[in-house]
Amino acid sequence: MTPGPDPARAELLALLGVVAPFRRTVVARTREKAGLPQLSEAQVEVLRAVDRSGTATPREIAELLAMAPSTVSNLLRPLLAAELLQQLPVPGDQRSKSLSVTALARDQLARFDAAAAEVLSEASAALSAADRAVLGEAAGALERLLAEVRDR
């Protein structure tokens, strides 16, 4: 006899189907609200990773974000051209460059975060108190789940 479908597995797969469209929609509404340039989600991820690290080489960014080095290279070019990242020499290695975010990038990330908080606050006001509480708890659970997936 074959076991029936695992409800926990179905819930996790359903979560995958919601997370990506949720993120894309929030990003689009936030950009619109703040009047920010059309950076891709991946470019924003790169900026945030570099900002958290202080400085990072392209290889380190690829490792941090689990991306192919060629993908990171393609993402970096427009960020450098838009002066959202700056190149710095790597001590002891004349061929390598480290990257850091510029003041312009920090400003845009701060504007994005403020607008995202507004977008989410306005939208969550329409939810029940119970739904808002579940969302608060879900953030921690998702972070722990992400850590487990990364560690495997």
Protein backbone atom coordinates (compact mmCIF):
# COMPACT_ATOMS: atom_id res chain seq x y z
CA MET A 1 0.00 0.00 0.00
CA THR A 2 1.39 3.39 -1.01
CA PRO A 3 1.36 6.10 1.64
CA GLY A 4 -0.88 9.11 0.96
CA PRO A 5 0.44 12.56 0.23
CA ASP A 6 2.39 14.18 3.05
CA PRO A 7 0.43 17.32 4.09
CA ALA A 8 3.56 19.00 5.46
CA ARG A 9 5.33 18.49 2.14
CA ALA A 10 2.35 19.92 0.24
CA GLU A 11 2.32 22.98 2.52
CA LEU A 12 6.03 23.59 1.92
CA LEU A 13 5.59 23.26 -1.84
CA ALA A 14 2.63 25.67 -1.69
CA LEU A 15 4.87 28.10 0.18
CA LEU A 16 7.34 28.05 -2.72
CA GLY A 17 4.50 28.97 -5.04
CA VAL A 18 3.68 32.05 -2.95
CA VAL A 19 7.09 33.37 -1.94
CA ALA A 20 8.43 34.27 -5.39
CA PRO A 21 5.28 36.08 -6.65
CA PHE A 22 4.98 37.82 -3.26
CA ARG A 23 8.53 39.09 -3.47
CA ARG A 24 8.21 40.21 -7.10
CA THR A 25 4.97 42.05 -6.37
CA VAL A 26 6.33 43.79 -3.28
CA VAL A 27 9.48 44.81 -5.18
CA ALA A 28 7.45 46.21 -8.10
CA ARG A 29 5.07 48.17 -5.82
CA THR A 30 7.98 49.45 -3.75
CA ARG A 31 9.96 50.64 -6.79
CA GLU A 32 6.84 52.37 -8.07
CA LYS A 33 6.15 54.06 -4.71
CA ALA A 34 9.74 55.25 -4.20
CA GLY A 35 10.43 56.14 -7.85
CA LEU A 36 13.50 53.91 -7.88
CA PRO A 37 15.38 52.69 -10.97
CA GLN A 38 14.55 49.31 -12.48
CA LEU A 39 17.17 47.12 -10.85
CA SER A 40 16.55 43.40 -11.01
CA GLU A 41 15.99 41.47 -7.80
CA ALA A 42 19.33 39.77 -8.38
CA GLN A 43 21.10 43.14 -8.66
CA VAL A 44 19.49 44.26 -5.41
CA GLU A 45 20.63 41.00 -3.80
CA VAL A 46 24.18 41.74 -4.94
CA LEU A 47 24.04 45.27 -3.49
CA ARG A 48 22.69 43.99 -0.18
CA ALA A 49 25.31 41.23 0.03
CA VAL A 50 28.14 43.67 -0.62
CA ASP A 51 26.66 46.19 1.82
CA ARG A 52 26.41 43.53 4.56
CA SER A 53 29.98 42.38 3.87
CA GLY A 54 31.48 45.86 3.69
CA THR A 55 33.58 44.78 0.72
CA ALA A 56 33.55 41.62 -1.37
CA THR A 57 35.23 40.25 -4.45
CA PRO A 58 33.09 38.94 -7.30
CA ARG A 59 34.02 35.39 -6.27
CA GLU A 60 32.92 36.04 -2.69
CA ILE A 61 29.62 37.49 -3.93
CA ALA A 62 29.04 34.37 -6.06
CA GLU A 63 29.65 32.17 -3.03
CA LEU A 64 27.46 34.28 -0.71
CA LEU A 65 24.54 34.24 -3.13
CA ALA A 66 25.05 30.73 -4.52
CA MET A 67 25.35 32.11 -8.05
CA ALA A 68 27.66 31.23 -10.91
CA PRO A 69 30.62 33.61 -11.20
CA SER A 70 29.59 34.48 -14.76
CA THR A 71 26.12 35.46 -13.53
CA VAL A 72 27.65 37.72 -10.87
CA SER A 73 29.93 39.27 -13.48
CA ASN A 74 26.90 40.08 -15.67
CA LEU A 75 25.10 41.62 -12.69
CA LEU A 76 28.10 43.72 -11.66
CA ARG A 77 28.63 45.55 -14.96
CA PRO A 78 25.45 47.68 -14.84
CA LEU A 79 25.84 48.28 -11.10
CA LEU A 80 29.33 49.64 -11.67
CA ALA A 81 28.16 51.71 -14.65
CA ALA A 82 25.32 53.18 -12.55
CA GLU A 83 27.86 54.02 -9.83
CA LEU A 84 26.09 51.86 -7.28
CA LEU A 85 29.27 49.86 -6.69
CA GLN A 86 32.87 50.97 -6.65
CA GLN A 87 36.00 48.92 -7.21
CA LEU A 88 38.78 48.90 -4.65
CA PRO A 89 42.23 47.33 -4.91
CA VAL A 90 42.79 44.09 -3.01
CA PRO A 91 45.91 44.42 -0.84
CA GLY A 92 48.64 42.08 -2.07
CA ASP A 93 46.82 41.21 -5.30
CA GLN A 94 47.16 43.73 -8.10
CA ARG A 95 44.86 41.81 -10.46
CA SER A 96 41.86 41.41 -8.15
CA LYS A 97 39.33 44.07 -7.22
CA SER A 98 37.08 44.22 -4.23
CA LEU A 99 33.71 45.95 -4.42
CA SER A 100 31.85 48.20 -2.03
CA VAL A 101 28.52 49.98 -2.28
CA THR A 102 28.49 53.71 -2.92
CA ALA A 103 26.61 56.37 -1.02
CA LEU A 104 24.13 56.44 -3.91
CA ALA A 105 23.46 52.70 -3.48
CA ARG A 106 23.03 53.07 0.28
CA ASP A 107 20.56 55.89 -0.31
CA GLN A 108 18.57 53.83 -2.82
CA LEU A 109 18.54 50.80 -0.51
CA ALA A 110 17.33 52.98 2.39
CA ARG A 111 14.61 54.50 0.19
CA PHE A 112 13.62 51.02 -0.96
CA ASP A 113 13.41 49.74 2.61
CA ALA A 114 11.31 52.71 3.75
CA ALA A 115 8.92 52.35 0.81
CA ALA A 116 8.71 48.56 1.27
CA ALA A 117 7.81 49.04 4.93
CA GLU A 118 5.03 51.41 3.85
CA VAL A 119 3.75 49.06 1.15
CA LEU A 120 3.70 46.11 3.54
CA SER A 121 2.24 48.10 6.42
CA GLU A 122 -0.60 49.41 4.27
CA ALA A 123 -1.35 45.97 2.86
CA SER A 124 -1.10 44.15 6.19
CA ALA A 125 -3.56 46.60 7.77
CA ALA A 126 -6.26 44.81 5.77
CA LEU A 127 -5.35 41.46 7.37
CA SER A 128 -6.66 40.11 10.65
CA ALA A 129 -4.57 40.42 13.80
CA ALA A 130 -4.15 36.63 13.71
CA ASP A 131 -2.76 36.75 10.16
CA ARG A 132 -0.34 39.53 11.11
CA ALA A 133 0.87 37.47 14.08
CA VAL A 134 1.40 34.41 11.87
CA LEU A 135 3.41 36.52 9.40
CA GLY A 136 5.60 37.78 12.24
CA GLU A 137 6.36 34.24 13.33
CA ALA A 138 6.81 33.03 9.75
CA ALA A 139 9.78 35.31 9.12
CA GLY A 140 11.85 33.55 11.78
CA ALA A 141 10.74 30.13 10.61
CA LEU A 142 11.64 30.97 7.00
CA GLU A 143 15.10 32.16 8.07
CA ARG A 144 15.68 28.89 9.93
CA LEU A 145 14.39 26.89 6.96
CA LEU A 146 16.70 28.79 4.62
CA ALA A 147 19.66 28.03 6.87
CA GLU A 148 18.78 24.31 6.82
CA VAL A 149 18.48 24.26 3.04
CA ARG A 150 21.83 26.07 2.65
CA ASP A 151 23.56 23.66 5.03
CA ARG A 152 22.55 20.55 3.08
